[in-house]
C-alpha atoms as a PDB file:
ATOM      1  CA  MET A   1       0.260   0.270   0.072  1.00  0.00           C
ATOM      2  CA  LYS A   2       1.296   3.531  -1.139  1.00  0.00           C
ATOM      3  CA  SER A   3       1.315   6.200   1.465  1.00  0.00           C
ATOM      4  CA  ARG A   4      -0.690   9.330   0.184  1.00  0.00           C
ATOM      5  CA  PRO A   5      -0.559  12.972   1.456  1.00  0.00           C
ATOM      6  CA  GLY A   6      -2.815  13.106   4.134  1.00  0.00           C
ATOM      7  CA  PHE A   7      -2.806   9.476   5.341  1.00  0.00           C
ATOM      8  CA  CYS A   8      -0.743   7.634   7.960  1.00  0.00           C
ATOM      9  CA  THR A   9       0.011   3.877   7.244  1.00  0.00           C
ATOM     10  CA  LEU A  10       0.532   2.074  10.549  1.00  0.00           C
ATOM     11  CA  SER A  11       1.823  -1.529  11.222  1.00  0.00           C
ATOM     12  CA  SER A  12      -0.599  -3.630  13.151  1.00  0.00           C
ATOM     13  CA  PRO A  13       0.132  -3.059  16.730  1.00  0.00           C
ATOM     14  CA  THR A  14       2.508  -6.165  18.120  1.00  0.00           C
ATOM     15  CA  ARG A  15       2.696  -7.418  21.717  1.00  0.00           C
ATOM     16  CA  ALA A  16       6.111  -8.383  22.656  1.00  0.00           C
ATOM     17  CA  SER A  17       7.154 -10.383  25.645  1.00  0.00           C
ATOM     18  CA  ILE A  18       9.748  -8.524  27.637  1.00  0.00           C
ATOM     19  CA  ALA A  19      12.665 -11.321  27.204  1.00  0.00           C
ATOM     20  CA  THR A  20      12.345 -10.515  23.135  1.00  0.00           C
ATOM     21  CA  LEU A  21      12.340  -6.628  23.897  1.00  0.00           C
ATOM     22  CA  ALA A  22      15.349  -7.055  26.407  1.00  0.00           C
ATOM     23  CA  GLU A  23      17.461  -8.789  23.702  1.00  0.00           C
ATOM     24  CA  LEU A  24      17.108  -4.856  22.139  1.00  0.00           C
ATOM     25  CA  ASN A  25      17.168  -3.333  25.280  1.00  0.00           C
ATOM     26  CA  PRO A  26      19.054  -4.871  28.527  1.00  0.00           C
ATOM     27  CA  MET A  27      17.209  -2.111  30.296  1.00  0.00           C
ATOM     28  CA  ALA A  28      14.034  -4.306  30.210  1.00  0.00           C
ATOM     29  CA  ASN A  29      15.523  -7.199  32.037  1.00  0.00           C
ATOM     30  CA  VAL A  30      14.697  -5.510  35.241  1.00  0.00           C
ATOM     31  CA  LEU A  31      11.251  -6.100  34.275  1.00  0.00           C
ATOM     32  CA  MET A  32      11.557  -9.825  34.777  1.00  0.00           C
ATOM     33  CA  LEU A  33      12.396 -10.005  38.190  1.00  0.00           C
ATOM     34  CA  PRO A  34      10.505 -12.238  40.240  1.00  0.00           C
ATOM     35  CA  TYR A  35       8.215 -10.459  42.717  1.00  0.00           C
ATOM     36  CA  LEU A  36       9.538  -7.379  41.710  1.00  0.00           C
ATOM     37  CA  TYR A  37       5.815  -5.885  42.472  1.00  0.00           C
ATOM     38  CA  ASP A  38       3.585  -6.346  45.730  1.00  0.00           C
ATOM     39  CA  SER A  39       0.795  -6.662  43.527  1.00  0.00           C
ATOM     40  CA  SER A  40      -0.681  -5.464  39.991  1.00  0.00           C
ATOM     41  CA  ASP A  41      -1.606  -2.065  41.473  1.00  0.00           C
ATOM     42  CA  GLN A  42       1.533  -1.929  42.441  1.00  0.00           C
ATOM     43  CA  MET A  43       3.180  -2.601  39.132  1.00  0.00           C
ATOM     44  CA  TRP A  44       1.190  -0.689  37.024  1.00  0.00           C
ATOM     45  CA  GLN A  45       1.747   2.469  38.988  1.00  0.00           C
ATOM     46  CA  VAL A  46       5.464   1.766  38.460  1.00  0.00           C
ATOM     47  CA  LEU A  47       4.852   1.398  34.772  1.00  0.00           C
ATOM     48  CA  GLU A  48       2.394   4.306  34.580  1.00  0.00           C
ATOM     49  CA  ARG A  49       4.662   6.998  35.983  1.00  0.00           C
ATOM     50  CA  GLU A  50       8.251   8.118  35.239  1.00  0.00           C
ATOM     51  CA  ILE A  51      10.103   4.869  35.330  1.00  0.00           C
ATOM     52  CA  GLY A  52       7.983   3.285  32.849  1.00  0.00           C
ATOM     53  CA  ASP A  53       8.284   6.227  30.666  1.00  0.00           C
ATOM     54  CA  GLU A  54      11.902   6.449  30.893  1.00  0.00           C
ATOM     55  CA  LEU A  55      11.448   2.527  29.831  1.00  0.00           C
ATOM     56  CA  MET A  56      10.008   3.490  26.841  1.00  0.00           C
ATOM     57  CA  ASP A  57      12.750   6.105  26.150  1.00  0.00           C
ATOM     58  CA  SER A  58      15.389   4.163  26.743  1.00  0.00           C
ATOM     59  CA  PHE A  59      13.922   1.933  22.969  1.00  0.00           C
ATOM     60  CA  ASP A  60      15.167   4.844  21.017  1.00  0.00           C
ATOM     61  CA  GLY A  61      17.792   3.968  18.360  1.00  0.00           C
ATOM     62  CA  THR A  62      16.095   0.023  18.551  1.00  0.00           C
ATOM     63  CA  GLY A  63      13.759   0.356  16.093  1.00  0.00           C
ATOM     64  CA  VAL A  64      10.757  -0.518  18.232  1.00  0.00           C
ATOM     65  CA  VAL A  65       8.662   2.143  19.592  1.00  0.00           C
ATOM     66  CA  PRO A  66       7.028   1.508  22.459  1.00  0.00           C
ATOM     67  CA  LEU A  67       3.094   2.600  22.745  1.00  0.00           C
ATOM     68  CA  SER A  68       1.957   0.930  26.168  1.00  0.00           C
ATOM     69  CA  TRP A  69       2.291  -1.229  28.359  1.00  0.00           C
ATOM     70  CA  CYS A  70       0.312  -4.311  28.581  1.00  0.00           C
ATOM     71  CA  CYS A  71       0.197  -7.653  30.739  1.00  0.00           C
ATOM     72  CA  ARG A  72      -1.318 -10.879  30.422  1.00  0.00           C
ATOM     73  CA  SER A  73      -0.981 -11.836  34.232  1.00  0.00           C
ATOM     74  CA  THR A  74       1.254 -11.388  37.310  1.00  0.00           C
ATOM     75  CA  ARG A  75       3.295 -13.697  39.194  1.00  0.00           C
ATOM     76  CA  PRO A  76       1.339 -14.103  42.179  1.00  0.00           C
ATOM     77  CA  THR A  77       3.222 -12.581  45.003  1.00  0.00           C
ATOM     78  CA  ALA A  78       1.475 -13.958  48.267  1.00  0.00           C
ATOM     79  CA  VAL A  79      -0.255 -17.029  48.930  1.00  0.00           C
ATOM     80  CA  THR A  80      -4.157 -15.627  50.425  1.00  0.00           C
ATOM     81  CA  THR A  81      -5.779 -18.999  50.808  1.00  0.00           C
ATOM     82  CA  TRP A  82      -4.545 -22.546  52.575  1.00  0.00           C
ATOM     83  CA  ILE A  83      -5.138 -25.308  50.268  1.00  0.00           C
END
């Protein structure tokens, strides 16, 4: 598809795992540390503020342009129910 004046052609957004992104940007490795956060709420508080912005900015020059964070699931941080 050719781009025409007044139109913007974008590729489909792609979700990528942190492990894959860390190959391009070693700074992303910090997000793979187990039990880094006490809860998913705390994770979002970190990623949606200055630290998350710094991590996104650290991809400059890698060919990757992060648009947002997504999470499939977080690791459990505590046992709340005994089996």
